[in-house]
Amino acid sequence: MGECSECGEKSMSFSCRYCGEKFCSEHRLPENHDCEGLEGETPEEHEEWFEEKFSDKKDKENTSSNIGTPAVYKTHRQSLSRDILNTLTSNATLAVVGLTVLTYMIQVSLPDQQFFDILVLNPELSELLLRPWSLLTVMLLHAAPFHLFANMITFYFFASPLERLVGAKKMLKIYLIAGLAASIGYVLFYNLLSIIHGDPAVAGLAVGASGGVIALVGVIARLYPNADILLFFIIPMKIKTAVYAFGIFEVFNMSMKLIGIQLPVIGMLASSAHLTGLLVGLYFGKKLQDRYKRNTGVFNPLEV
């Protein structure tokens, strides 16, 4: 509260920008208190300046109009999308998981098989020559939700520490090379069975990222041989023991196929792809072991 220099009334006061005196709302304009500092400026010009300087009506209207408007929500959505994009671009492990899950959702949502047929691995050489990219795109397809879950949860817990240790590019290099090698191993073994038995007992089409995923397990087994894991999510053992047991299991399954015996359930597994991926992973793990000297370390999937 202040006293008006013109009428003496005590009220909310306004300072004149020309003479510097304080006035009430009635005498706030220079022309209403015969301001000597007003030189050559029209009342209309001063009224516009006053409204811009002292009136908060426009600011309030702008503020209230922005709260809860679609533009604000749009900004929030853009911020969320930007955060997700930044996370995926800075974390190759999550990017692979996201891409694989997205591909599976597209795979099961499309009514026809065209998308699936383009990406699936058909080991018959005539079909492979038409779609050579399927040697890699097979890693994006999966047979069922549990197949997808098992591969991606295993990939996440083994790829994450490896990415932090060697970097995203090297981790992806190992994953993709192993996946490619696993597909080639599967094609070679399938055609070998075709030569031996005519039509292989197991359907030829292959899906899944198991070859690349198992390769990462092989890398970690080299770096942290004494780490404890659950083989097939059930049996607790040292990772080096699990790798040996897994390798023996896959060799046994392949041997049964070579002599013409398809075992129940496990006979449908692409053991040749799994074993090829494991060997590639052990090879890269040996190279990293020589460099990082982690052969006696204890593996923690959440911390290197």
Protein backbone atom coordinates (compact mmCIF):
# COMPACT_ATOMS: atom_id res chain seq x y z
CA MET A 1 0.00 0.00 0.00
CA GLY A 2 1.16 3.52 -0.76
CA GLU A 3 -0.10 7.13 -0.75
CA CYS A 4 -1.10 8.69 -4.07
CA SER A 5 0.95 11.81 -4.79
CA GLU A 6 -2.08 13.39 -6.48
CA CYS A 7 -5.02 12.72 -4.16
CA GLY A 8 -3.34 11.37 -1.04
CA GLU A 9 -5.44 8.18 -1.05
CA LYS A 10 -3.76 5.12 0.36
CA SER A 11 -4.13 2.21 -2.01
CA MET A 12 -2.14 -0.03 -4.28
CA SER A 13 0.28 2.38 -5.91
CA PHE A 14 1.83 2.52 -9.35
CA SER A 15 5.07 4.31 -10.18
CA CYS A 16 5.04 6.68 -13.10
CA ARG A 17 7.84 5.92 -15.52
CA TYR A 18 8.18 9.63 -16.35
CA CYS A 19 8.24 11.47 -13.04
CA GLY A 20 8.87 8.54 -10.67
CA GLU A 21 6.05 9.49 -8.27
CA LYS A 22 3.54 6.95 -6.94
CA PHE A 23 -0.17 7.23 -7.79
CA CYS A 24 -3.40 5.37 -7.25
CA SER A 25 -5.12 3.51 -10.06
CA GLU A 26 -7.21 6.56 -10.91
CA HIS A 27 -4.22 8.87 -11.33
CA ARG A 28 -1.71 6.31 -12.59
CA LEU A 29 -1.63 7.66 -16.14
CA PRO A 30 0.61 10.69 -16.76
CA GLU A 31 -2.25 12.74 -18.24
CA ASN A 32 -4.33 12.16 -15.09
CA HIS A 33 -1.79 13.74 -12.76
CA ASP A 34 -0.42 16.42 -15.10
CA CYS A 35 2.93 14.67 -15.34
CA GLU A 36 5.72 17.08 -16.20
CA GLY A 37 7.85 14.24 -17.51
CA LEU A 38 5.40 13.39 -20.28
CA GLU A 39 6.86 14.86 -23.44
CA GLY A 40 5.45 14.14 -26.85
CA GLU A 41 3.88 10.75 -26.09
CA THR A 42 0.16 10.32 -26.69
CA PRO A 43 -2.20 8.95 -24.02
CA GLU A 44 -2.96 5.97 -26.26
CA GLU A 45 0.70 5.04 -26.47
CA HIS A 46 1.11 5.31 -22.72
CA GLU A 47 -2.04 3.22 -22.09
CA GLU A 48 -0.62 0.44 -24.27
CA TRP A 49 2.66 0.57 -22.35
CA PHE A 50 0.85 0.46 -19.01
CA GLU A 51 -1.27 -2.53 -19.96
CA GLU A 52 1.82 -4.40 -21.11
CA LYS A 53 3.80 -3.45 -17.99
CA PHE A 54 1.29 -3.94 -15.18
CA SER A 55 -1.54 -6.11 -16.43
CA ASP A 56 -1.15 -9.84 -15.66
CA LYS A 57 -4.43 -10.77 -17.30
CA LYS A 58 -2.75 -11.81 -20.53
CA ASP A 59 -0.12 -13.85 -18.69
CA LYS A 60 -2.78 -15.61 -16.64
CA GLU A 61 -4.78 -16.42 -19.75
CA ASN A 62 -1.68 -17.81 -21.47
CA THR A 63 -0.71 -19.83 -18.42
CA SER A 64 -4.15 -21.32 -17.85
CA SER A 65 -4.57 -22.08 -21.54
CA ASN A 66 -1.36 -24.15 -21.57
CA ILE A 67 -2.16 -26.30 -18.54
CA GLY A 68 -3.62 -29.65 -19.49
CA THR A 69 -3.80 -28.86 -23.19
CA PRO A 70 -3.01 -31.46 -25.84
CA ALA A 71 0.18 -29.52 -26.64
CA VAL A 72 1.50 -30.16 -23.13
CA TYR A 73 0.62 -33.84 -23.29
CA LYS A 74 2.22 -33.98 -26.72
CA THR A 75 5.41 -32.55 -25.24
CA HIS A 76 5.34 -35.20 -22.51
CA ARG A 77 4.85 -37.94 -25.07
CA GLN A 78 7.69 -36.57 -27.15
CA SER A 79 9.90 -36.49 -24.04
CA LEU A 80 9.02 -40.11 -23.20
CA SER A 81 9.69 -41.21 -26.77
CA ARG A 82 12.99 -39.35 -26.71
CA ASP A 83 13.99 -41.04 -23.43
CA ILE A 84 13.15 -44.48 -24.83
CA LEU A 85 15.08 -43.75 -28.01
CA ASN A 86 18.11 -42.54 -26.03
CA THR A 87 18.01 -45.66 -23.87
CA LEU A 88 17.88 -47.98 -26.87
CA THR A 89 20.65 -46.17 -28.74
CA SER A 90 22.92 -46.21 -25.69
CA ASN A 91 22.16 -49.83 -24.71
CA ALA A 92 22.65 -52.35 -27.51
CA THR A 93 21.36 -55.21 -25.38
CA LEU A 94 17.98 -53.58 -24.84
CA ALA A 95 17.88 -52.52 -28.50
CA VAL A 96 18.27 -56.14 -29.63
CA VAL A 97 15.61 -57.31 -27.17
CA GLY A 98 13.24 -54.55 -28.30
CA LEU A 99 13.76 -55.26 -31.99
CA THR A 100 13.29 -59.01 -31.51
CA VAL A 101 10.12 -58.59 -29.45
CA LEU A 102 8.72 -56.09 -31.95
CA THR A 103 9.41 -58.47 -34.83
CA TYR A 104 7.66 -61.30 -33.02
CA MET A 105 4.62 -59.10 -32.40
CA ILE A 106 4.48 -58.29 -36.11
CA GLN A 107 4.97 -61.97 -36.93
CA VAL A 108 1.97 -63.14 -34.89
CA SER A 109 -0.28 -60.20 -35.71
CA LEU A 110 -0.19 -60.42 -39.50
CA PRO A 111 -2.92 -62.68 -40.92
CA ASP A 112 -0.85 -64.08 -43.76
CA GLN A 113 2.57 -65.79 -43.79
CA GLN A 114 4.31 -63.40 -46.17
CA PHE A 115 6.29 -61.60 -43.45
CA PHE A 116 7.28 -64.92 -41.88
CA ASP A 117 8.26 -66.45 -45.23
CA ILE A 118 10.57 -63.54 -46.03
CA LEU A 119 12.56 -63.85 -42.78
CA VAL A 120 12.45 -67.58 -41.96
CA LEU A 121 15.47 -69.79 -42.67
CA ASN A 122 14.79 -72.52 -45.20
CA PRO A 123 17.93 -74.71 -45.34
CA GLU A 124 17.19 -76.07 -48.80
CA LEU A 125 19.90 -74.58 -51.01
CA SER A 126 17.51 -73.54 -53.77
CA GLU A 127 15.43 -71.56 -51.28
CA LEU A 128 18.47 -70.15 -49.48
CA LEU A 129 19.87 -68.71 -52.70
CA LEU A 130 16.62 -66.75 -53.14
CA ARG A 131 16.73 -65.34 -49.59
CA PRO A 132 20.36 -65.30 -48.35
CA TRP A 133 19.48 -62.64 -45.75
CA SER A 134 17.45 -65.27 -43.91
CA LEU A 135 20.74 -66.55 -42.44
CA LEU A 136 20.53 -63.52 -40.14
CA THR A 137 16.85 -62.57 -40.10
CA VAL A 138 16.01 -65.99 -38.66
CA MET A 139 17.29 -64.54 -35.37
CA LEU A 140 14.28 -62.22 -35.24
CA LEU A 141 11.63 -64.93 -35.53
CA HIS A 142 10.44 -67.29 -32.78
CA ALA A 143 8.13 -70.27 -32.60
CA ALA A 144 6.17 -69.36 -29.46
CA PRO A 145 6.08 -66.84 -26.58
CA PHE A 146 8.12 -69.11 -24.30
CA HIS A 147 10.71 -69.60 -27.04
CA LEU A 148 11.02 -65.82 -27.32
CA PHE A 149 11.11 -65.34 -23.54
CA ALA A 150 13.78 -68.01 -22.97
CA ASN A 151 16.05 -66.59 -25.65
CA MET A 152 15.65 -62.94 -24.69
CA ILE A 153 15.97 -63.38 -20.92
CA THR A 154 19.13 -65.44 -21.47
CA PHE A 155 20.42 -62.91 -23.97
CA TYR A 156 19.80 -60.01 -21.58
CA PHE A 157 21.58 -61.53 -18.58
CA PHE A 158 24.63 -62.56 -20.61
CA ALA A 159 24.81 -59.73 -23.14
CA SER A 160 24.49 -56.91 -20.57
CA PRO A 161 27.73 -57.60 -18.65
CA LEU A 162 29.55 -58.46 -21.86
CA GLU A 163 28.49 -55.14 -23.40
CA ARG A 164 29.75 -53.26 -20.35
CA LEU A 165 33.03 -55.14 -20.49
CA VAL A 166 33.90 -55.02 -24.19
CA GLY A 167 31.51 -52.40 -25.58
CA ALA A 168 28.35 -52.53 -27.65
CA LYS A 169 30.05 -52.95 -31.04
CA LYS A 170 32.10 -55.97 -30.02
CA MET A 171 29.17 -57.60 -28.23
CA LEU A 172 26.97 -57.16 -31.31
CA LYS A 173 29.78 -58.42 -33.53
CA ILE A 174 30.00 -61.65 -31.52
CA TYR A 175 26.22 -62.05 -31.44
CA LEU A 176 25.74 -61.55 -35.18
CA ILE A 177 28.74 -63.59 -36.28
CA ALA A 178 27.66 -66.45 -34.03
CA GLY A 179 24.09 -66.21 -35.31
CA LEU A 180 25.31 -66.31 -38.91
CA ALA A 181 27.62 -69.24 -38.18
CA ALA A 182 24.80 -71.07 -36.37
CA SER A 183 22.56 -70.70 -39.42
CA ILE A 184 25.29 -71.99 -41.72
CA GLY A 185 25.90 -74.92 -39.36
CA TYR A 186 22.20 -75.73 -39.42
CA VAL A 187 22.05 -75.57 -43.24
CA LEU A 188 25.08 -77.85 -43.61
CA PHE A 189 23.79 -80.43 -41.12
CA TYR A 190 20.29 -80.41 -42.65
CA ASN A 191 21.66 -81.05 -46.11
CA LEU A 192 23.95 -83.75 -44.73
CA LEU A 193 20.87 -85.50 -43.31
CA SER A 194 19.18 -85.10 -46.67
CA ILE A 195 22.09 -86.87 -48.37
CA ILE A 196 22.14 -89.68 -45.80
CA HIS A 197 18.44 -90.27 -45.25
CA GLY A 198 16.74 -88.57 -48.18
CA ASP A 199 14.09 -86.42 -46.46
CA PRO A 200 15.21 -85.45 -42.94
CA ALA A 201 12.86 -86.51 -40.18
CA VAL A 202 12.76 -82.98 -38.79
CA ALA A 203 10.99 -80.14 -40.61
CA GLY A 204 13.50 -77.90 -42.35
CA LEU A 205 12.31 -74.37 -41.46
CA ALA A 206 14.23 -72.79 -38.60
CA VAL A 207 13.45 -69.82 -36.34
CA GLY A 208 15.11 -68.33 -33.30
CA ALA A 209 18.18 -66.52 -31.99
CA SER A 210 19.43 -69.49 -29.96
CA GLY A 211 22.74 -69.82 -31.83
CA GLY A 212 23.76 -66.23 -31.09
CA VAL A 213 22.44 -66.35 -27.53
CA ILE A 214 24.32 -69.56 -26.70
CA ALA A 215 27.47 -67.98 -28.12
CA LEU A 216 27.28 -65.27 -25.45
CA VAL A 217 26.92 -67.97 -22.81
CA GLY A 218 30.11 -69.52 -24.20
CA VAL A 219 31.92 -66.17 -23.97
CA ILE A 220 30.91 -65.69 -20.34
CA ALA A 221 31.86 -69.30 -19.58
CA ARG A 222 35.39 -68.52 -20.72
CA LEU A 223 35.59 -65.30 -18.73
CA TYR A 224 33.85 -66.54 -15.56
CA PRO A 225 34.17 -70.35 -15.52
CA ASN A 226 33.33 -70.67 -11.83
CA ALA A 227 30.11 -68.69 -11.91
CA ASP A 228 26.92 -70.44 -10.77
CA ILE A 229 23.96 -70.61 -13.18
CA LEU A 230 20.82 -72.67 -13.74
CA LEU A 231 21.09 -75.01 -16.71
CA PHE A 232 17.79 -74.89 -18.62
CA PHE A 233 16.59 -72.56 -15.80
CA ILE A 234 16.36 -75.58 -13.47
CA ILE A 235 19.65 -77.32 -12.63
CA PRO A 236 22.21 -75.29 -10.58
CA MET A 237 25.85 -75.80 -11.56
CA LYS A 238 29.07 -74.03 -12.49
CA ILE A 239 28.83 -72.37 -15.87
CA LYS A 240 31.80 -74.31 -17.23
CA THR A 241 30.07 -77.57 -16.21
CA ALA A 242 26.82 -76.38 -17.79
CA VAL A 243 28.60 -75.64 -21.08
CA TYR A 244 30.15 -79.12 -21.15
CA ALA A 245 26.78 -80.73 -20.32
CA PHE A 246 25.00 -78.65 -22.93
CA GLY A 247 27.60 -79.52 -25.57
CA ILE A 248 27.36 -83.24 -24.83
CA PHE A 249 23.57 -83.05 -24.95
CA GLU A 250 23.59 -81.39 -28.39
CA VAL A 251 26.19 -83.83 -29.78
CA PHE A 252 24.05 -86.73 -28.57
CA ASN A 253 20.93 -85.30 -30.24
CA MET A 254 22.81 -84.77 -33.51
CA SER A 255 24.19 -88.32 -33.34
CA MET A 256 20.69 -89.73 -33.01
CA LYS A 257 19.60 -87.80 -36.07
CA LEU A 258 22.58 -89.05 -38.05
CA ILE A 259 21.58 -92.66 -37.43
CA GLY A 260 17.98 -91.90 -38.30
CA ILE A 261 16.45 -91.66 -34.81
CA GLN A 262 14.38 -88.60 -33.90
CA LEU A 263 14.08 -88.31 -30.15
CA PRO A 264 10.79 -87.09 -28.64
CA VAL A 265 10.66 -83.33 -28.03
CA ILE A 266 14.41 -82.69 -28.16
CA GLY A 267 14.56 -84.13 -31.65
CA MET A 268 12.94 -80.93 -32.87
CA LEU A 269 15.79 -78.80 -31.52
CA ALA A 270 18.27 -77.27 -33.96
CA SER A 271 21.23 -78.85 -32.18
CA SER A 272 23.62 -78.15 -35.04
CA ALA A 273 22.89 -74.42 -34.77
CA HIS A 274 23.23 -74.49 -30.98
CA LEU A 275 26.52 -76.34 -31.05
CA THR A 276 27.95 -74.10 -33.78
CA GLY A 277 26.98 -70.98 -31.82
CA LEU A 278 28.55 -72.40 -28.65
CA LEU A 279 31.85 -73.14 -30.42
CA VAL A 280 31.95 -69.62 -31.86
CA GLY A 281 31.28 -68.17 -28.41
CA LEU A 282 34.04 -70.25 -26.82
CA TYR A 283 36.43 -69.05 -29.52
CA PHE A 284 35.67 -65.37 -28.87
CA GLY A 285 35.69 -66.00 -25.13
CA LYS A 286 39.21 -67.39 -25.36
CA LYS A 287 40.38 -64.28 -27.18
CA LEU A 288 38.76 -62.02 -24.59
CA GLN A 289 40.10 -64.15 -21.75
CA ASP A 290 43.63 -63.59 -22.96
CA ARG A 291 43.00 -59.84 -23.08
CA TYR A 292 40.92 -59.18 -19.97
CA LYS A 293 42.33 -61.89 -17.70
CA ARG A 294 38.94 -62.63 -16.10
CA ASN A 295 39.26 -66.43 -16.03
CA THR A 296 39.06 -66.56 -12.23
CA GLY A 297 36.35 -63.89 -11.83
CA VAL A 298 32.86 -64.49 -10.48
CA PHE A 299 30.14 -63.63 -12.94
CA ASN A 300 27.43 -61.19 -11.86
CA PRO A 301 24.91 -60.52 -14.66
CA LEU A 302 24.11 -57.09 -13.21
CA GLU A 303 27.64 -55.90 -12.59
CA VAL A 304 31.03 -56.42 -14.24
